[in-house]
Full PDB file with SEQRES, HELIX, SHEET, SSBOND, CRYST1, ORIGX, SCALE, CONECT and MASTER records, all heavy atoms in Angstrom:
SEQRES   1 A   36  GLY LYS ASN GLY ALA GLY LYS SER THR LEU VAL GLY ILE          
SEQRES   2 A   36  ILE SER GLY LEU VAL ALA PRO SER SER GLY GLU ILE TRP          
SEQRES   3 A   36  ILE ASN GLY GLN LYS TYR THR SER LEU SER                      
HELIX    1 AA1 LYS A    7  SER A   15  1                                   9    
SHEET    1 AA1 2 ILE A  25  ILE A  27  0                                        
SHEET    2 AA1 2 GLN A  30  TYR A  32 -1                                        
CRYST1    1.000    1.000    1.000  90.00  90.00  90.00 P 1           1          
ORIGX1      1.000000  0.000000  0.000000        0.00000                         
ORIGX2      0.000000  1.000000  0.000000        0.00000                         
ORIGX3      0.000000  0.000000  1.000000        0.00000                         
SCALE1      1.000000  0.000000  0.000000        0.00000                         
SCALE2      0.000000  1.000000  0.000000        0.00000                         
SCALE3      0.000000  0.000000  1.000000        0.00000                         
ATOM      1  N   GLY A   1     -13.100   4.806  -7.679  1.00  0.00           N  
ATOM      2  CA  GLY A   1     -13.815   3.551  -7.500  1.00  0.00           C  
ATOM      3  C   GLY A   1     -14.978   3.784  -6.566  1.00  0.00           C  
ATOM      4  O   GLY A   1     -15.027   4.791  -5.854  1.00  0.00           O  
ATOM      5  N   LYS A   2     -15.923   2.879  -6.573  1.00  0.00           N  
ATOM      6  CA  LYS A   2     -17.073   3.000  -5.684  1.00  0.00           C  
ATOM      7  C   LYS A   2     -16.631   2.886  -4.229  1.00  0.00           C  
ATOM      8  O   LYS A   2     -15.527   2.416  -3.939  1.00  0.00           O  
ATOM      9  CB  LYS A   2     -18.104   1.906  -5.991  1.00  0.00           C  
ATOM     10  CG  LYS A   2     -18.715   2.016  -7.374  1.00  0.00           C  
ATOM     11  CD  LYS A   2     -19.870   1.048  -7.545  1.00  0.00           C  
ATOM     12  CE  LYS A   2     -19.439  -0.398  -7.522  1.00  0.00           C  
ATOM     13  NZ  LYS A   2     -20.550  -1.332  -7.783  1.00  0.00           N  
ATOM     14  N   ASN A   3     -17.497   3.306  -3.316  1.00  0.00           N  
ATOM     15  CA  ASN A   3     -17.211   3.120  -1.900  1.00  0.00           C  
ATOM     16  C   ASN A   3     -17.036   1.641  -1.604  1.00  0.00           C  
ATOM     17  O   ASN A   3     -17.838   0.810  -2.033  1.00  0.00           O  
ATOM     18  CB  ASN A   3     -18.369   3.676  -1.051  1.00  0.00           C  
ATOM     19  CG  ASN A   3     -18.381   5.180  -1.025  1.00  0.00           C  
ATOM     20  OD1 ASN A   3     -17.503   5.806  -0.441  1.00  0.00           O  
ATOM     21  ND2 ASN A   3     -19.359   5.776  -1.679  1.00  0.00           N  
ATOM     22  N   GLY A   4     -15.959   1.309  -0.875  1.00  0.00           N  
ATOM     23  CA  GLY A   4     -15.675  -0.079  -0.553  1.00  0.00           C  
ATOM     24  C   GLY A   4     -14.899  -0.813  -1.623  1.00  0.00           C  
ATOM     25  O   GLY A   4     -14.647  -2.021  -1.505  1.00  0.00           O  
ATOM     26  N   ALA A   5     -14.486  -0.106  -2.673  1.00  0.00           N  
ATOM     27  CA  ALA A   5     -13.761  -0.762  -3.764  1.00  0.00           C  
ATOM     28  C   ALA A   5     -12.341  -1.134  -3.370  1.00  0.00           C  
ATOM     29  O   ALA A   5     -11.742  -2.040  -3.949  1.00  0.00           O  
ATOM     30  CB  ALA A   5     -13.727   0.143  -4.999  1.00  0.00           C  
ATOM     31  N   GLY A   6     -11.767  -0.421  -2.376  1.00  0.00           N  
ATOM     32  CA  GLY A   6     -10.405  -0.707  -1.935  1.00  0.00           C  
ATOM     33  C   GLY A   6      -9.460   0.476  -2.037  1.00  0.00           C  
ATOM     34  O   GLY A   6      -8.263   0.353  -1.739  1.00  0.00           O  
ATOM     35  N   LYS A   7      -9.985   1.647  -2.426  1.00  0.00           N  
ATOM     36  CA  LYS A   7      -9.131   2.833  -2.582  1.00  0.00           C  
ATOM     37  C   LYS A   7      -8.451   3.225  -1.275  1.00  0.00           C  
ATOM     38  O   LYS A   7      -7.246   3.503  -1.249  1.00  0.00           O  
ATOM     39  CB  LYS A   7      -9.943   4.037  -3.079  1.00  0.00           C  
ATOM     40  CG  LYS A   7     -10.651   3.849  -4.398  1.00  0.00           C  
ATOM     41  CD  LYS A   7     -11.274   5.134  -4.876  1.00  0.00           C  
ATOM     42  CE  LYS A   7     -12.197   5.771  -3.867  1.00  0.00           C  
ATOM     43  NZ  LYS A   7     -13.358   4.940  -3.511  1.00  0.00           N  
ATOM     44  N   SER A   8      -9.211   3.262  -0.192  1.00  0.00           N  
ATOM     45  CA  SER A   8      -8.656   3.687   1.098  1.00  0.00           C  
ATOM     46  C   SER A   8      -7.557   2.736   1.566  1.00  0.00           C  
ATOM     47  O   SER A   8      -6.537   3.167   2.113  1.00  0.00           O  
ATOM     48  CB  SER A   8      -9.762   3.770   2.159  1.00  0.00           C  
ATOM     49  OG  SER A   8     -10.701   4.761   1.812  1.00  0.00           O  
ATOM     50  N   THR A   9      -7.763   1.434   1.346  1.00  0.00           N  
ATOM     51  CA  THR A   9      -6.736   0.455   1.703  1.00  0.00           C  
ATOM     52  C   THR A   9      -5.475   0.682   0.889  1.00  0.00           C  
ATOM     53  O   THR A   9      -4.351   0.645   1.416  1.00  0.00           O  
ATOM     54  CB  THR A   9      -7.261  -0.972   1.484  1.00  0.00           C  
ATOM     55  OG1 THR A   9      -8.458  -1.158   2.247  1.00  0.00           O  
ATOM     56  CG2 THR A   9      -6.229  -1.996   1.907  1.00  0.00           C  
ATOM     57  N   LEU A  10      -5.650   0.923  -0.396  1.00  0.00           N  
ATOM     58  CA  LEU A  10      -4.516   1.164  -1.288  1.00  0.00           C  
ATOM     59  C   LEU A  10      -3.726   2.395  -0.854  1.00  0.00           C  
ATOM     60  O   LEU A  10      -2.495   2.369  -0.750  1.00  0.00           O  
ATOM     61  CB  LEU A  10      -5.018   1.336  -2.719  1.00  0.00           C  
ATOM     62  CG  LEU A  10      -3.961   1.463  -3.822  1.00  0.00           C  
ATOM     63  CD1 LEU A  10      -3.131   0.201  -3.911  1.00  0.00           C  
ATOM     64  CD2 LEU A  10      -4.632   1.754  -5.155  1.00  0.00           C  
ATOM     65  N   VAL A  11      -4.441   3.462  -0.547  1.00  0.00           N  
ATOM     66  CA  VAL A  11      -3.796   4.701  -0.100  1.00  0.00           C  
ATOM     67  C   VAL A  11      -3.099   4.477   1.244  1.00  0.00           C  
ATOM     68  O   VAL A  11      -2.001   4.984   1.487  1.00  0.00           O  
ATOM     69  CB  VAL A  11      -4.834   5.840   0.001  1.00  0.00           C  
ATOM     70  CG1 VAL A  11      -4.261   7.033   0.744  1.00  0.00           C  
ATOM     71  CG2 VAL A  11      -5.292   6.258  -1.389  1.00  0.00           C  
ATOM     72  N   GLY A  12      -3.734   3.699   2.119  1.00  0.00           N  
ATOM     73  CA  GLY A  12      -3.130   3.395   3.416  1.00  0.00           C  
ATOM     74  C   GLY A  12      -1.822   2.637   3.274  1.00  0.00           C  
ATOM     75  O   GLY A  12      -0.859   2.876   4.021  1.00  0.00           O  
ATOM     76  N   ILE A  13      -1.743   1.739   2.300  1.00  0.00           N  
ATOM     77  CA  ILE A  13      -0.509   0.978   2.057  1.00  0.00           C  
ATOM     78  C   ILE A  13       0.593   1.903   1.544  1.00  0.00           C  
ATOM     79  O   ILE A  13       1.740   1.840   1.992  1.00  0.00           O  
ATOM     80  CB  ILE A  13      -0.787  -0.163   1.057  1.00  0.00           C  
ATOM     81  CG1 ILE A  13      -1.609  -1.260   1.749  1.00  0.00           C  
ATOM     82  CG2 ILE A  13       0.515  -0.746   0.506  1.00  0.00           C  
ATOM     83  CD1 ILE A  13      -2.139  -2.329   0.817  1.00  0.00           C  
ATOM     84  N   ILE A  14       0.246   2.804   0.620  1.00  0.00           N  
ATOM     85  CA  ILE A  14       1.244   3.720   0.058  1.00  0.00           C  
ATOM     86  C   ILE A  14       1.779   4.676   1.118  1.00  0.00           C  
ATOM     87  O   ILE A  14       2.968   5.002   1.143  1.00  0.00           O  
ATOM     88  CB  ILE A  14       0.632   4.520  -1.112  1.00  0.00           C  
ATOM     89  CG1 ILE A  14       0.274   3.576  -2.269  1.00  0.00           C  
ATOM     90  CG2 ILE A  14       1.606   5.587  -1.607  1.00  0.00           C  
ATOM     91  CD1 ILE A  14      -0.515   4.249  -3.383  1.00  0.00           C  
ATOM     92  N   SER A  15       0.908   5.124   2.031  1.00  0.00           N  
ATOM     93  CA  SER A  15       1.312   6.110   3.036  1.00  0.00           C  
ATOM     94  C   SER A  15       1.869   5.486   4.305  1.00  0.00           C  
ATOM     95  O   SER A  15       2.247   6.200   5.239  1.00  0.00           O  
ATOM     96  CB  SER A  15       0.121   7.008   3.391  1.00  0.00           C  
ATOM     97  OG  SER A  15      -0.954   6.239   3.898  1.00  0.00           O  
ATOM     98  N   GLY A  16       1.908   4.147   4.381  1.00  0.00           N  
ATOM     99  CA  GLY A  16       2.480   3.473   5.542  1.00  0.00           C  
ATOM    100  C   GLY A  16       1.522   3.254   6.688  1.00  0.00           C  
ATOM    101  O   GLY A  16       1.924   2.814   7.768  1.00  0.00           O  
ATOM    102  N   LEU A  17       0.225   3.519   6.472  1.00  0.00           N  
ATOM    103  CA  LEU A  17      -0.760   3.342   7.535  1.00  0.00           C  
ATOM    104  C   LEU A  17      -1.314   1.921   7.573  1.00  0.00           C  
ATOM    105  O   LEU A  17      -1.875   1.498   8.585  1.00  0.00           O  
ATOM    106  CB  LEU A  17      -1.909   4.341   7.349  1.00  0.00           C  
ATOM    107  CG  LEU A  17      -1.516   5.819   7.392  1.00  0.00           C  
ATOM    108  CD1 LEU A  17      -2.715   6.695   7.041  1.00  0.00           C  
ATOM    109  CD2 LEU A  17      -0.978   6.191   8.769  1.00  0.00           C  
ATOM    110  N   VAL A  18      -1.178   1.190   6.473  1.00  0.00           N  
ATOM    111  CA  VAL A  18      -1.695  -0.179   6.368  1.00  0.00           C  
ATOM    112  C   VAL A  18      -0.583  -1.079   5.825  1.00  0.00           C  
ATOM    113  O   VAL A  18       0.091  -0.718   4.853  1.00  0.00           O  
ATOM    114  CB  VAL A  18      -2.918  -0.239   5.427  1.00  0.00           C  
ATOM    115  CG1 VAL A  18      -3.381  -1.680   5.234  1.00  0.00           C  
ATOM    116  CG2 VAL A  18      -4.056   0.618   5.962  1.00  0.00           C  
ATOM    117  N   ALA A  19      -0.403  -2.231   6.465  1.00  0.00           N  
ATOM    118  CA  ALA A  19       0.598  -3.198   5.988  1.00  0.00           C  
ATOM    119  C   ALA A  19      -0.075  -4.197   5.059  1.00  0.00           C  
ATOM    120  O   ALA A  19      -1.096  -4.796   5.419  1.00  0.00           O  
ATOM    121  CB  ALA A  19       1.230  -3.928   7.168  1.00  0.00           C  
ATOM    122  N   PRO A  20       0.457  -4.400   3.850  1.00  0.00           N  
ATOM    123  CA  PRO A  20      -0.150  -5.392   2.947  1.00  0.00           C  
ATOM    124  C   PRO A  20       0.067  -6.806   3.452  1.00  0.00           C  
ATOM    125  O   PRO A  20       1.026  -7.083   4.183  1.00  0.00           O  
ATOM    126  CB  PRO A  20       0.582  -5.147   1.626  1.00  0.00           C  
ATOM    127  CG  PRO A  20       1.890  -4.540   2.024  1.00  0.00           C  
ATOM    128  CD  PRO A  20       1.629  -3.740   3.259  1.00  0.00           C  
ATOM    129  N   SER A  21      -0.809  -7.729   3.071  1.00  0.00           N  
ATOM    130  CA  SER A  21      -0.647  -9.138   3.427  1.00  0.00           C  
ATOM    131  C   SER A  21       0.424  -9.792   2.573  1.00  0.00           C  
ATOM    132  O   SER A  21       1.107 -10.723   3.016  1.00  0.00           O  
ATOM    133  CB  SER A  21      -1.983  -9.877   3.262  1.00  0.00           C  
ATOM    134  OG  SER A  21      -2.984  -9.274   4.067  1.00  0.00           O  
ATOM    135  N   SER A  22       0.572  -9.317   1.349  1.00  0.00           N  
ATOM    136  CA  SER A  22       1.618  -9.824   0.450  1.00  0.00           C  
ATOM    137  C   SER A  22       1.847  -8.801  -0.654  1.00  0.00           C  
ATOM    138  O   SER A  22       1.066  -7.869  -0.827  1.00  0.00           O  
ATOM    139  CB  SER A  22       1.220 -11.176  -0.147  1.00  0.00           C  
ATOM    140  OG  SER A  22       0.054 -11.055  -0.933  1.00  0.00           O  
ATOM    141  N   GLY A  23       2.924  -8.984  -1.397  1.00  0.00           N  
ATOM    142  CA  GLY A  23       3.239  -8.081  -2.490  1.00  0.00           C  
ATOM    143  C   GLY A  23       4.426  -7.185  -2.176  1.00  0.00           C  
ATOM    144  O   GLY A  23       5.019  -7.261  -1.088  1.00  0.00           O  
ATOM    145  N   GLU A  24       4.777  -6.347  -3.141  1.00  0.00           N  
ATOM    146  CA  GLU A  24       5.953  -5.476  -3.012  1.00  0.00           C  
ATOM    147  C   GLU A  24       5.582  -4.028  -3.307  1.00  0.00           C  
ATOM    148  O   GLU A  24       4.719  -3.744  -4.143  1.00  0.00           O  
ATOM    149  CB  GLU A  24       7.040  -5.912  -3.993  1.00  0.00           C  
ATOM    150  CG  GLU A  24       7.543  -7.325  -3.766  1.00  0.00           C  
ATOM    151  CD  GLU A  24       8.491  -7.790  -4.871  1.00  0.00           C  
ATOM    152  OE1 GLU A  24       8.681  -7.024  -5.854  1.00  0.00           O  
ATOM    153  OE2 GLU A  24       9.030  -8.902  -4.747  1.00  0.00           O  
ATOM    154  N   ILE A  25       6.283  -3.120  -2.604  1.00  0.00           N  
ATOM    155  CA  ILE A  25       6.160  -1.685  -2.846  1.00  0.00           C  
ATOM    156  C   ILE A  25       7.535  -1.174  -3.257  1.00  0.00           C  
ATOM    157  O   ILE A  25       8.520  -1.368  -2.528  1.00  0.00           O  
ATOM    158  CB  ILE A  25       5.690  -0.946  -1.572  1.00  0.00           C  
ATOM    159  CG1 ILE A  25       4.412  -1.580  -1.005  1.00  0.00           C  
ATOM    160  CG2 ILE A  25       5.487   0.547  -1.857  1.00  0.00           C  
ATOM    161  CD1 ILE A  25       4.129  -1.199   0.432  1.00  0.00           C  
ATOM    162  N   TRP A  26       7.615  -0.544  -4.413  1.00  0.00           N  
ATOM    163  CA  TRP A  26       8.870  -0.013  -4.910  1.00  0.00           C  
ATOM    164  C   TRP A  26       8.792   1.510  -4.952  1.00  0.00           C  
ATOM    165  O   TRP A  26       7.881   2.080  -5.549  1.00  0.00           O  
ATOM    166  CB  TRP A  26       9.162  -0.545  -6.311  1.00  0.00           C  
ATOM    167  CG  TRP A  26       9.525  -2.003  -6.324  1.00  0.00           C  
ATOM    168  CD1 TRP A  26       8.680  -3.061  -6.204  1.00  0.00           C  
ATOM    169  CD2 TRP A  26      10.839  -2.543  -6.471  1.00  0.00           C  
ATOM    170  NE1 TRP A  26       9.371  -4.246  -6.250  1.00  0.00           N  
ATOM    171  CE2 TRP A  26      10.712  -3.966  -6.426  1.00  0.00           C  
ATOM    172  CE3 TRP A  26      12.113  -1.991  -6.639  1.00  0.00           C  
ATOM    173  CZ2 TRP A  26      11.802  -4.815  -6.533  1.00  0.00           C  
ATOM    174  CZ3 TRP A  26      13.203  -2.836  -6.755  1.00  0.00           C  
ATOM    175  CH2 TRP A  26      13.038  -4.238  -6.703  1.00  0.00           C  
ATOM    176  N   ILE A  27       9.760   2.163  -4.285  1.00  0.00           N  
ATOM    177  CA  ILE A  27       9.830   3.623  -4.277  1.00  0.00           C  
ATOM    178  C   ILE A  27      11.218   4.034  -4.741  1.00  0.00           C  
ATOM    179  O   ILE A  27      12.217   3.648  -4.119  1.00  0.00           O  
ATOM    180  CB  ILE A  27       9.556   4.199  -2.875  1.00  0.00           C  
ATOM    181  CG1 ILE A  27       8.201   3.714  -2.347  1.00  0.00           C  
ATOM    182  CG2 ILE A  27       9.581   5.733  -2.909  1.00  0.00           C  
ATOM    183  CD1 ILE A  27       7.940   4.094  -0.914  1.00  0.00           C  
ATOM    184  N   ASN A  28      11.252   4.764  -5.835  1.00  0.00           N  
ATOM    185  CA  ASN A  28      12.541   5.213  -6.393  1.00  0.00           C  
ATOM    186  C   ASN A  28      13.528   4.056  -6.555  1.00  0.00           C  
ATOM    187  O   ASN A  28      14.709   4.169  -6.219  1.00  0.00           O  
ATOM    188  CB  ASN A  28      13.149   6.308  -5.510  1.00  0.00           C  
ATOM    189  CG  ASN A  28      12.277   7.547  -5.470  1.00  0.00           C  
ATOM    190  OD1 ASN A  28      11.738   7.971  -6.487  1.00  0.00           O  
ATOM    191  ND2 ASN A  28      12.126   8.129  -4.287  1.00  0.00           N  
ATOM    192  N   GLY A  29      13.007   2.897  -6.997  1.00  0.00           N  
ATOM    193  CA  GLY A  29      13.857   1.747  -7.251  1.00  0.00           C  
ATOM    194  C   GLY A  29      14.206   0.913  -6.042  1.00  0.00           C  
ATOM    195  O   GLY A  29      14.928  -0.082  -6.158  1.00  0.00           O  
ATOM    196  N   GLN A  30      13.681   1.267  -4.866  1.00  0.00           N  
ATOM    197  CA  GLN A  30      13.973   0.511  -3.640  1.00  0.00           C  
ATOM    198  C   GLN A  30      12.745  -0.304  -3.247  1.00  0.00           C  
ATOM    199  O   GLN A  30      11.627   0.214  -3.215  1.00  0.00           O  
ATOM    200  CB  GLN A  30      14.364   1.465  -2.506  1.00  0.00           C  
ATOM    201  CG  GLN A  30      14.830   0.750  -1.244  1.00  0.00           C  
ATOM    202  CD  GLN A  30      15.415   1.726  -0.223  1.00  0.00           C  
ATOM    203  OE1 GLN A  30      15.650   2.890  -0.539  1.00  0.00           O  
ATOM    204  NE2 GLN A  30      15.660   1.249   0.972  1.00  0.00           N  
ATOM    205  N   LYS A  31      12.957  -1.594  -2.923  1.00  0.00           N  
ATOM    206  CA  LYS A  31      11.854  -2.507  -2.624  1.00  0.00           C  
ATOM    207  C   LYS A  31      11.523  -2.541  -1.138  1.00  0.00           C  
ATOM    208  O   LYS A  31      12.409  -2.574  -0.281  1.00  0.00           O  
ATOM    209  CB  LYS A  31      12.193  -3.920  -3.101  1.00  0.00           C  
ATOM    210  CG  LYS A  31      11.032  -4.911  -2.920  1.00  0.00           C  
ATOM    211  CD  LYS A  31      11.376  -6.290  -3.435  1.00  0.00           C  
ATOM    212  CE  LYS A  31      12.198  -7.064  -2.426  1.00  0.00           C  
ATOM    213  NZ  LYS A  31      12.359  -8.485  -2.793  1.00  0.00           N  
ATOM    214  N   TYR A  32      10.215  -2.567  -0.828  1.00  0.00           N  
ATOM    215  CA  TYR A  32       9.709  -2.736   0.542  1.00  0.00           C  
ATOM    216  C   TYR A  32       8.579  -3.765   0.506  1.00  0.00           C  
ATOM    217  O   TYR A  32       7.817  -3.835  -0.454  1.00  0.00           O  
ATOM    218  CB  TYR A  32       9.139  -1.422   1.092  1.00  0.00           C  
ATOM    219  CG  TYR A  32      10.137  -0.291   1.210  1.00  0.00           C  
ATOM    220  CD1 TYR A  32      10.363   0.568   0.132  1.00  0.00           C  
ATOM    221  CD2 TYR A  32      10.848  -0.084   2.389  1.00  0.00           C  
ATOM    222  CE1 TYR A  32      11.272   1.607   0.233  1.00  0.00           C  
ATOM    223  CE2 TYR A  32      11.761   0.961   2.499  1.00  0.00           C  
ATOM    224  CZ  TYR A  32      11.967   1.797   1.418  1.00  0.00           C  
ATOM    225  OH  TYR A  32      12.868   2.829   1.517  1.00  0.00           O  
ATOM    226  N   THR A  33       8.494  -4.544   1.579  1.00  0.00           N  
ATOM    227  CA  THR A  33       7.326  -5.425   1.721  1.00  0.00           C  
ATOM    228  C   THR A  33       6.193  -4.706   2.424  1.00  0.00           C  
ATOM    229  O   THR A  33       5.022  -5.067   2.288  1.00  0.00           O  
ATOM    230  CB  THR A  33       7.685  -6.698   2.504  1.00  0.00           C  
ATOM    231  OG1 THR A  33       8.279  -6.333   3.767  1.00  0.00           O  
ATOM    232  CG2 THR A  33       8.677  -7.548   1.711  1.00  0.00           C  
ATOM    233  N   SER A  34       6.529  -3.675   3.196  1.00  0.00           N  
ATOM    234  CA  SER A  34       5.533  -2.790   3.800  1.00  0.00           C  
ATOM    235  C   SER A  34       6.236  -1.502   4.210  1.00  0.00           C  
ATOM    236  O   SER A  34       7.465  -1.463   4.332  1.00  0.00           O  
ATOM    237  CB  SER A  34       4.855  -3.438   5.014  1.00  0.00           C  
ATOM    238  OG  SER A  34       5.782  -3.605   6.072  1.00  0.00           O  
ATOM    239  N   LEU A  35       5.430  -0.482   4.429  1.00  0.00           N  
ATOM    240  CA  LEU A  35       5.966   0.804   4.867  1.00  0.00           C  
ATOM    241  C   LEU A  35       5.403   1.150   6.239  1.00  0.00           C  
ATOM    242  O   LEU A  35       4.313   0.715   6.598  1.00  0.00           O  
ATOM    243  CB  LEU A  35       5.584   1.915   3.880  1.00  0.00           C  
ATOM    244  CG  LEU A  35       6.077   1.808   2.436  1.00  0.00           C  
ATOM    245  CD1 LEU A  35       5.448   2.902   1.592  1.00  0.00           C  
ATOM    246  CD2 LEU A  35       7.597   1.900   2.383  1.00  0.00           C  
ATOM    247  N   SER A  36       6.135   1.937   6.983  1.00  0.00           N  
ATOM    248  CA  SER A  36       5.606   2.566   8.193  1.00  0.00           C  
ATOM    249  C   SER A  36       5.418   4.048   7.852  1.00  0.00           C  
ATOM    250  O   SER A  36       5.994   4.549   6.880  1.00  0.00           O  
ATOM    251  CB  SER A  36       6.584   2.417   9.355  1.00  0.00           C  
ATOM    252  OG  SER A  36       7.757   3.184   9.103  1.00  0.00           O  
TER     253      SER A  36                                                      
MASTER        0    0    0    1    2    0    0    6  252    1    0    3          
END                                                                             
């Protein structure tokens, strides 16, 4: 995506560096609202 499209935020959420405002993260069938 272009710069500022949201890629870094998305990667930060997956790696636990950024907490989402809403939504769910599922890893190997286990649900999280955010990761550390």
